[in-house]
């Protein structure tokens, strides 16, 4: 049970795969509240057959011989096991790989060094 004066509320601690019934009651201090709406839902893992979308809010901070790339997550909020970061000089045809992968799920930053 929780209260809010907004139009939404996030409830943490629910178990995936378990059916829950949710009830919302409109209430005010003068007349009380009798309007009630009910709905049922089963929380699930966001990773269900949904590949991650492209990273959002990508930004770069260049420095001498390096650059820091940062991003906020993916556009469809799907689960991400890792981000793979690569770089290429704009005059070359192939991306340079070997920077490793980042085991993060909600965005992050990567420092890429040894750039010319």
N, C-alpha and C. Protein backbone atom coordinates (compact mmCIF):
# COMPACT_ATOMS: atom_id res chain seq x y z
N UNK A 1 0.85 -1.17 0.00
CA UNK A 1 0.00 0.00 0.00
C UNK A 1 0.90 1.24 0.00
N UNK A 2 0.51 2.23 -0.80
CA UNK A 2 1.27 3.48 -0.88
C UNK A 2 0.33 4.61 -1.27
N UNK A 3 0.74 5.83 -1.03
CA UNK A 3 -0.05 7.01 -1.38
C UNK A 3 0.77 7.92 -2.26
N UNK A 4 0.09 8.68 -3.12
CA UNK A 4 0.75 9.68 -3.95
C UNK A 4 -0.24 10.77 -4.29
N UNK A 5 0.25 11.97 -4.49
CA UNK A 5 -0.62 13.04 -4.97
C UNK A 5 -0.41 13.27 -6.46
N UNK A 6 0.39 12.41 -7.09
CA UNK A 6 0.64 12.49 -8.53
C UNK A 6 -0.28 11.56 -9.29
N UNK A 7 0.06 11.34 -10.55
CA UNK A 7 -0.76 10.48 -11.42
C UNK A 7 -0.08 9.16 -11.72
N UNK A 8 1.01 8.86 -11.04
CA UNK A 8 1.68 7.58 -11.22
C UNK A 8 2.44 7.24 -9.95
N UNK A 9 2.74 5.96 -9.82
CA UNK A 9 3.48 5.48 -8.65
C UNK A 9 4.19 4.21 -9.05
N UNK A 10 5.47 4.10 -8.75
CA UNK A 10 6.24 2.89 -9.02
C UNK A 10 6.34 2.08 -7.73
N UNK A 11 5.99 0.81 -7.81
CA UNK A 11 6.07 -0.09 -6.66
C UNK A 11 7.24 -1.04 -6.87
N UNK A 12 8.23 -1.00 -6.00
CA UNK A 12 9.39 -1.88 -6.09
C UNK A 12 9.15 -3.13 -5.26
N UNK A 13 9.98 -4.14 -5.50
CA UNK A 13 9.96 -5.34 -4.69
C UNK A 13 8.95 -6.39 -5.13
N UNK A 14 8.32 -6.22 -6.30
CA UNK A 14 7.38 -7.23 -6.79
C UNK A 14 8.16 -8.37 -7.42
N UNK A 15 7.61 -9.58 -7.37
CA UNK A 15 8.27 -10.74 -7.93
C UNK A 15 7.80 -10.99 -9.36
N UNK A 16 8.77 -11.17 -10.27
CA UNK A 16 8.42 -11.53 -11.64
C UNK A 16 7.66 -12.85 -11.66
N UNK A 17 6.68 -12.95 -12.55
CA UNK A 17 5.92 -14.19 -12.72
C UNK A 17 4.78 -14.36 -11.74
N UNK A 18 4.59 -13.47 -10.79
CA UNK A 18 3.51 -13.55 -9.82
C UNK A 18 2.41 -12.56 -10.18
N UNK A 19 1.16 -13.00 -10.14
CA UNK A 19 0.02 -12.15 -10.47
C UNK A 19 -0.29 -11.23 -9.30
N UNK A 20 -0.45 -9.94 -9.58
CA UNK A 20 -0.81 -8.95 -8.57
C UNK A 20 -2.09 -8.25 -8.98
N UNK A 21 -2.89 -7.90 -8.02
CA UNK A 21 -4.05 -7.04 -8.27
C UNK A 21 -3.72 -5.67 -7.71
N UNK A 22 -3.89 -4.66 -8.54
CA UNK A 22 -3.62 -3.29 -8.14
C UNK A 22 -4.94 -2.55 -8.00
N UNK A 23 -5.03 -1.71 -7.00
CA UNK A 23 -6.24 -0.92 -6.75
C UNK A 23 -5.84 0.53 -6.56
N UNK A 24 -6.53 1.41 -7.26
CA UNK A 24 -6.29 2.84 -7.11
C UNK A 24 -7.60 3.48 -6.65
N UNK A 25 -7.51 4.22 -5.57
CA UNK A 25 -8.69 4.90 -5.05
C UNK A 25 -8.41 6.40 -5.02
N UNK A 26 -9.33 7.15 -5.61
CA UNK A 26 -9.26 8.62 -5.54
C UNK A 26 -9.78 9.05 -4.18
N UNK A 27 -9.09 10.00 -3.57
CA UNK A 27 -9.42 10.39 -2.20
C UNK A 27 -9.15 11.87 -2.03
N UNK A 28 -10.01 12.54 -1.26
CA UNK A 28 -9.68 13.90 -0.83
C UNK A 28 -10.05 14.05 0.63
N UNK A 29 -9.45 15.01 1.30
CA UNK A 29 -9.60 15.18 2.75
C UNK A 29 -11.00 15.65 3.15
N UNK A 30 -11.74 16.27 2.24
CA UNK A 30 -13.06 16.80 2.59
C UNK A 30 -14.14 15.74 2.50
N UNK A 31 -14.17 14.99 1.39
CA UNK A 31 -15.26 14.04 1.18
C UNK A 31 -14.83 12.58 1.27
N UNK A 32 -13.56 12.33 1.50
CA UNK A 32 -13.10 10.94 1.52
C UNK A 32 -12.90 10.43 0.11
N UNK A 33 -13.16 9.16 -0.10
CA UNK A 33 -12.99 8.59 -1.43
C UNK A 33 -13.79 7.33 -1.60
N UNK A 34 -14.53 7.25 -2.68
CA UNK A 34 -15.28 6.04 -2.98
C UNK A 34 -14.96 5.51 -4.36
N UNK A 35 -14.34 6.32 -5.21
CA UNK A 35 -13.99 5.87 -6.56
C UNK A 35 -12.79 4.96 -6.54
N UNK A 36 -13.00 3.69 -6.97
CA UNK A 36 -11.94 2.70 -6.94
C UNK A 36 -11.85 2.04 -8.31
N UNK A 37 -10.61 1.86 -8.82
CA UNK A 37 -10.36 1.12 -10.05
C UNK A 37 -9.39 0.00 -9.74
N UNK A 38 -9.61 -1.18 -10.33
CA UNK A 38 -8.76 -2.35 -10.12
C UNK A 38 -8.20 -2.82 -11.46
N UNK A 39 -7.00 -3.38 -11.41
CA UNK A 39 -6.40 -3.99 -12.58
C UNK A 39 -5.42 -5.06 -12.11
N UNK A 40 -5.21 -6.09 -12.92
CA UNK A 40 -4.26 -7.14 -12.59
C UNK A 40 -3.11 -7.12 -13.59
N UNK A 41 -1.93 -7.50 -13.11
CA UNK A 41 -0.76 -7.57 -13.98
C UNK A 41 0.26 -8.52 -13.37
N UNK A 42 1.07 -9.10 -14.23
CA UNK A 42 2.16 -9.98 -13.81
C UNK A 42 3.47 -9.35 -14.24
N UNK A 43 4.29 -8.88 -13.30
CA UNK A 43 5.59 -8.31 -13.68
C UNK A 43 6.45 -9.36 -14.39
N UNK A 44 7.20 -8.91 -15.39
CA UNK A 44 8.08 -9.79 -16.14
C UNK A 44 9.43 -9.11 -16.33
N UNK A 45 10.39 -9.89 -16.73
CA UNK A 45 11.71 -9.38 -17.05
C UNK A 45 11.63 -8.63 -18.38
N UNK A 46 12.25 -7.46 -18.47
CA UNK A 46 12.21 -6.66 -19.69
C UNK A 46 12.93 -7.32 -20.86
N UNK A 47 13.68 -8.36 -20.62
CA UNK A 47 14.51 -8.96 -21.67
C UNK A 47 13.76 -9.96 -22.54
N UNK A 48 12.49 -10.08 -22.41
CA UNK A 48 11.74 -11.08 -23.15
C UNK A 48 11.76 -10.81 -24.65
N UNK A 49 12.60 -11.52 -25.37
CA UNK A 49 12.65 -11.48 -26.83
C UNK A 49 12.67 -10.08 -27.40
N UNK A 50 13.31 -9.16 -26.74
CA UNK A 50 13.40 -7.79 -27.22
C UNK A 50 14.86 -7.37 -27.27
N UNK A 51 15.43 -7.26 -28.48
CA UNK A 51 16.82 -6.82 -28.56
C UNK A 51 16.95 -5.36 -28.16
N UNK A 52 18.09 -4.98 -27.58
CA UNK A 52 18.27 -3.59 -27.18
C UNK A 52 18.24 -2.65 -28.38
N UNK A 53 17.65 -1.49 -28.20
CA UNK A 53 17.68 -0.44 -29.22
C UNK A 53 19.02 0.27 -29.19
N UNK A 54 19.13 1.34 -29.96
CA UNK A 54 20.41 2.06 -30.00
C UNK A 54 20.62 2.87 -28.72
N UNK A 55 21.88 3.06 -28.32
CA UNK A 55 22.17 3.88 -27.15
C UNK A 55 21.67 5.31 -27.34
N UNK A 56 21.21 5.92 -26.25
CA UNK A 56 20.66 7.26 -26.31
C UNK A 56 21.60 8.27 -25.65
N UNK A 57 21.41 9.52 -25.99
CA UNK A 57 22.16 10.63 -25.40
C UNK A 57 23.66 10.41 -25.47
N UNK A 58 24.14 9.90 -26.62
CA UNK A 58 25.57 9.67 -26.82
C UNK A 58 26.30 11.01 -26.88
N UNK A 59 27.38 11.12 -26.12
CA UNK A 59 28.17 12.34 -26.11
C UNK A 59 29.64 11.97 -25.95
N UNK A 60 30.50 12.84 -26.43
CA UNK A 60 31.94 12.58 -26.39
C UNK A 60 32.66 13.80 -25.82
N UNK A 61 33.67 13.54 -24.99
CA UNK A 61 34.55 14.58 -24.48
C UNK A 61 35.96 14.23 -24.93
N UNK A 62 36.47 14.93 -25.95
CA UNK A 62 37.83 14.64 -26.43
C UNK A 62 38.88 15.28 -25.53
N UNK A 63 40.02 14.66 -25.47
CA UNK A 63 41.18 15.18 -24.74
C UNK A 63 42.43 14.77 -25.51
N UNK A 64 43.60 15.09 -25.01
CA UNK A 64 44.85 14.78 -25.71
C UNK A 64 45.04 13.27 -25.82
N UNK A 65 44.95 12.75 -27.04
CA UNK A 65 45.18 11.33 -27.30
C UNK A 65 44.09 10.40 -26.80
N UNK A 66 42.95 10.94 -26.36
CA UNK A 66 41.88 10.08 -25.85
C UNK A 66 40.53 10.75 -26.02
N UNK A 67 39.50 10.00 -25.77
CA UNK A 67 38.13 10.52 -25.78
C UNK A 67 37.32 9.74 -24.77
N UNK A 68 36.39 10.42 -24.13
CA UNK A 68 35.46 9.74 -23.22
C UNK A 68 34.09 9.76 -23.88
N UNK A 69 33.50 8.58 -24.07
CA UNK A 69 32.16 8.43 -24.61
C UNK A 69 31.21 8.11 -23.47
N UNK A 70 30.05 8.77 -23.44
CA UNK A 70 29.04 8.49 -22.42
C UNK A 70 27.68 8.36 -23.09
N UNK A 71 26.79 7.58 -22.49
CA UNK A 71 25.44 7.39 -23.00
C UNK A 71 24.52 7.09 -21.84
N UNK A 72 23.22 7.17 -22.09
CA UNK A 72 22.24 7.07 -21.01
C UNK A 72 21.53 5.73 -20.92
N UNK A 73 21.61 4.90 -21.88
CA UNK A 73 20.89 3.64 -21.92
C UNK A 73 20.45 3.39 -23.35
N UNK A 74 19.43 2.56 -23.55
CA UNK A 74 18.94 2.30 -24.91
C UNK A 74 17.54 2.84 -25.08
N UNK A 75 17.17 3.15 -26.32
CA UNK A 75 15.92 3.85 -26.59
C UNK A 75 14.67 3.04 -26.23
N UNK A 76 14.73 1.72 -26.18
CA UNK A 76 13.53 0.93 -25.86
C UNK A 76 13.57 0.35 -24.45
N UNK A 77 14.55 0.75 -23.63
CA UNK A 77 14.69 0.29 -22.24
C UNK A 77 14.80 -1.22 -22.10
N UNK A 78 15.21 -1.92 -23.15
CA UNK A 78 15.43 -3.37 -23.06
C UNK A 78 16.67 -3.64 -22.20
N UNK A 79 16.79 -4.86 -21.73
CA UNK A 79 17.96 -5.24 -20.93
C UNK A 79 19.19 -5.31 -21.83
N UNK A 80 20.33 -4.88 -21.29
CA UNK A 80 21.60 -4.89 -22.00
C UNK A 80 22.59 -5.67 -21.16
N UNK A 81 23.22 -6.69 -21.74
CA UNK A 81 24.25 -7.43 -21.03
C UNK A 81 25.59 -6.72 -21.09
N UNK A 82 25.88 -6.05 -22.21
CA UNK A 82 27.13 -5.33 -22.35
C UNK A 82 27.01 -4.33 -23.49
N UNK A 83 27.85 -3.32 -23.45
CA UNK A 83 28.00 -2.37 -24.55
C UNK A 83 29.37 -2.64 -25.16
N UNK A 84 29.45 -2.62 -26.47
CA UNK A 84 30.71 -2.81 -27.17
C UNK A 84 31.09 -1.48 -27.81
N UNK A 85 32.25 -0.99 -27.47
CA UNK A 85 32.70 0.32 -27.92
C UNK A 85 33.84 0.13 -28.90
N UNK A 86 33.79 0.86 -30.01
CA UNK A 86 34.87 0.80 -31.00
C UNK A 86 35.09 2.20 -31.56
N UNK A 87 36.21 2.38 -32.27
CA UNK A 87 36.54 3.68 -32.84
C UNK A 87 37.24 3.48 -34.18
N UNK A 88 37.15 4.49 -35.05
CA UNK A 88 37.84 4.47 -36.34
C UNK A 88 38.23 5.90 -36.68
N UNK A 89 39.40 6.06 -37.26
CA UNK A 89 39.75 7.37 -37.81
C UNK A 89 38.82 7.61 -38.99
N UNK A 90 38.33 8.81 -39.14
CA UNK A 90 37.34 9.08 -40.18
C UNK A 90 37.89 8.85 -41.58
N UNK A 91 39.20 8.86 -41.78
CA UNK A 91 39.78 8.62 -43.09
C UNK A 91 39.95 7.13 -43.38
N UNK A 92 39.74 6.27 -42.39
CA UNK A 92 39.92 4.83 -42.58
C UNK A 92 38.57 4.16 -42.75
N UNK A 93 38.58 2.97 -43.34
CA UNK A 93 37.32 2.29 -43.66
C UNK A 93 36.82 1.38 -42.55
N UNK A 94 37.70 0.83 -41.74
CA UNK A 94 37.28 -0.17 -40.76
C UNK A 94 37.35 0.37 -39.34
N UNK A 95 36.37 -0.03 -38.52
CA UNK A 95 36.39 0.35 -37.12
C UNK A 95 37.48 -0.38 -36.38
N UNK A 96 38.12 0.31 -35.46
CA UNK A 96 39.11 -0.31 -34.59
C UNK A 96 38.37 -0.96 -33.44
N UNK A 97 38.64 -2.19 -33.19
CA UNK A 97 37.99 -2.87 -32.07
C UNK A 97 39.03 -3.23 -31.03
N UNK A 98 38.62 -3.96 -30.03
CA UNK A 98 39.55 -4.39 -29.02
C UNK A 98 39.52 -3.53 -27.77
N UNK A 99 38.54 -2.65 -27.65
CA UNK A 99 38.42 -1.86 -26.44
C UNK A 99 37.72 -2.64 -25.34
N UNK A 100 37.27 -3.85 -25.63
CA UNK A 100 36.57 -4.64 -24.64
C UNK A 100 35.10 -4.30 -24.60
N UNK A 101 34.42 -4.85 -23.66
CA UNK A 101 32.99 -4.59 -23.51
C UNK A 101 32.73 -4.14 -22.08
N UNK A 102 31.61 -3.48 -21.91
CA UNK A 102 31.26 -2.92 -20.61
C UNK A 102 30.04 -3.66 -20.06
N UNK A 103 30.17 -4.35 -18.94
CA UNK A 103 29.04 -5.08 -18.38
C UNK A 103 28.12 -4.18 -17.57
N UNK A 104 27.42 -3.27 -18.25
CA UNK A 104 26.50 -2.36 -17.58
C UNK A 104 25.15 -2.43 -18.28
N UNK A 105 24.09 -2.03 -17.59
CA UNK A 105 22.76 -2.18 -18.19
C UNK A 105 22.02 -0.87 -18.37
N UNK A 106 22.45 0.21 -17.76
CA UNK A 106 21.70 1.47 -17.86
C UNK A 106 22.56 2.62 -18.31
N UNK A 107 23.48 2.39 -19.21
CA UNK A 107 24.33 3.44 -19.71
C UNK A 107 25.63 3.50 -18.95
N UNK A 108 26.50 4.39 -19.39
CA UNK A 108 27.78 4.51 -18.72
C UNK A 108 28.73 5.32 -19.55
N UNK A 109 30.01 5.20 -19.26
CA UNK A 109 31.06 5.92 -19.99
C UNK A 109 32.20 4.96 -20.27
N UNK A 110 32.93 5.25 -21.36
CA UNK A 110 34.10 4.46 -21.71
C UNK A 110 35.21 5.42 -22.11
N UNK A 111 36.41 5.22 -21.58
CA UNK A 111 37.58 6.00 -21.98
C UNK A 111 38.32 5.22 -23.06
N UNK A 112 38.55 5.88 -24.19
CA UNK A 112 39.29 5.27 -25.29
C UNK A 112 40.61 6.03 -25.41
N UNK A 113 41.72 5.31 -25.21
CA UNK A 113 43.03 5.97 -25.21
C UNK A 113 43.82 5.55 -26.44
N UNK A 114 45.03 6.07 -26.56
CA UNK A 114 45.94 5.80 -27.66
C UNK A 114 45.37 6.24 -29.00
N UNK A 115 44.67 7.36 -29.00
CA UNK A 115 44.15 7.93 -30.24
C UNK A 115 45.14 8.94 -30.77
N UNK A 116 45.16 9.14 -32.07
CA UNK A 116 46.04 10.15 -32.67
C UNK A 116 45.21 11.31 -33.18
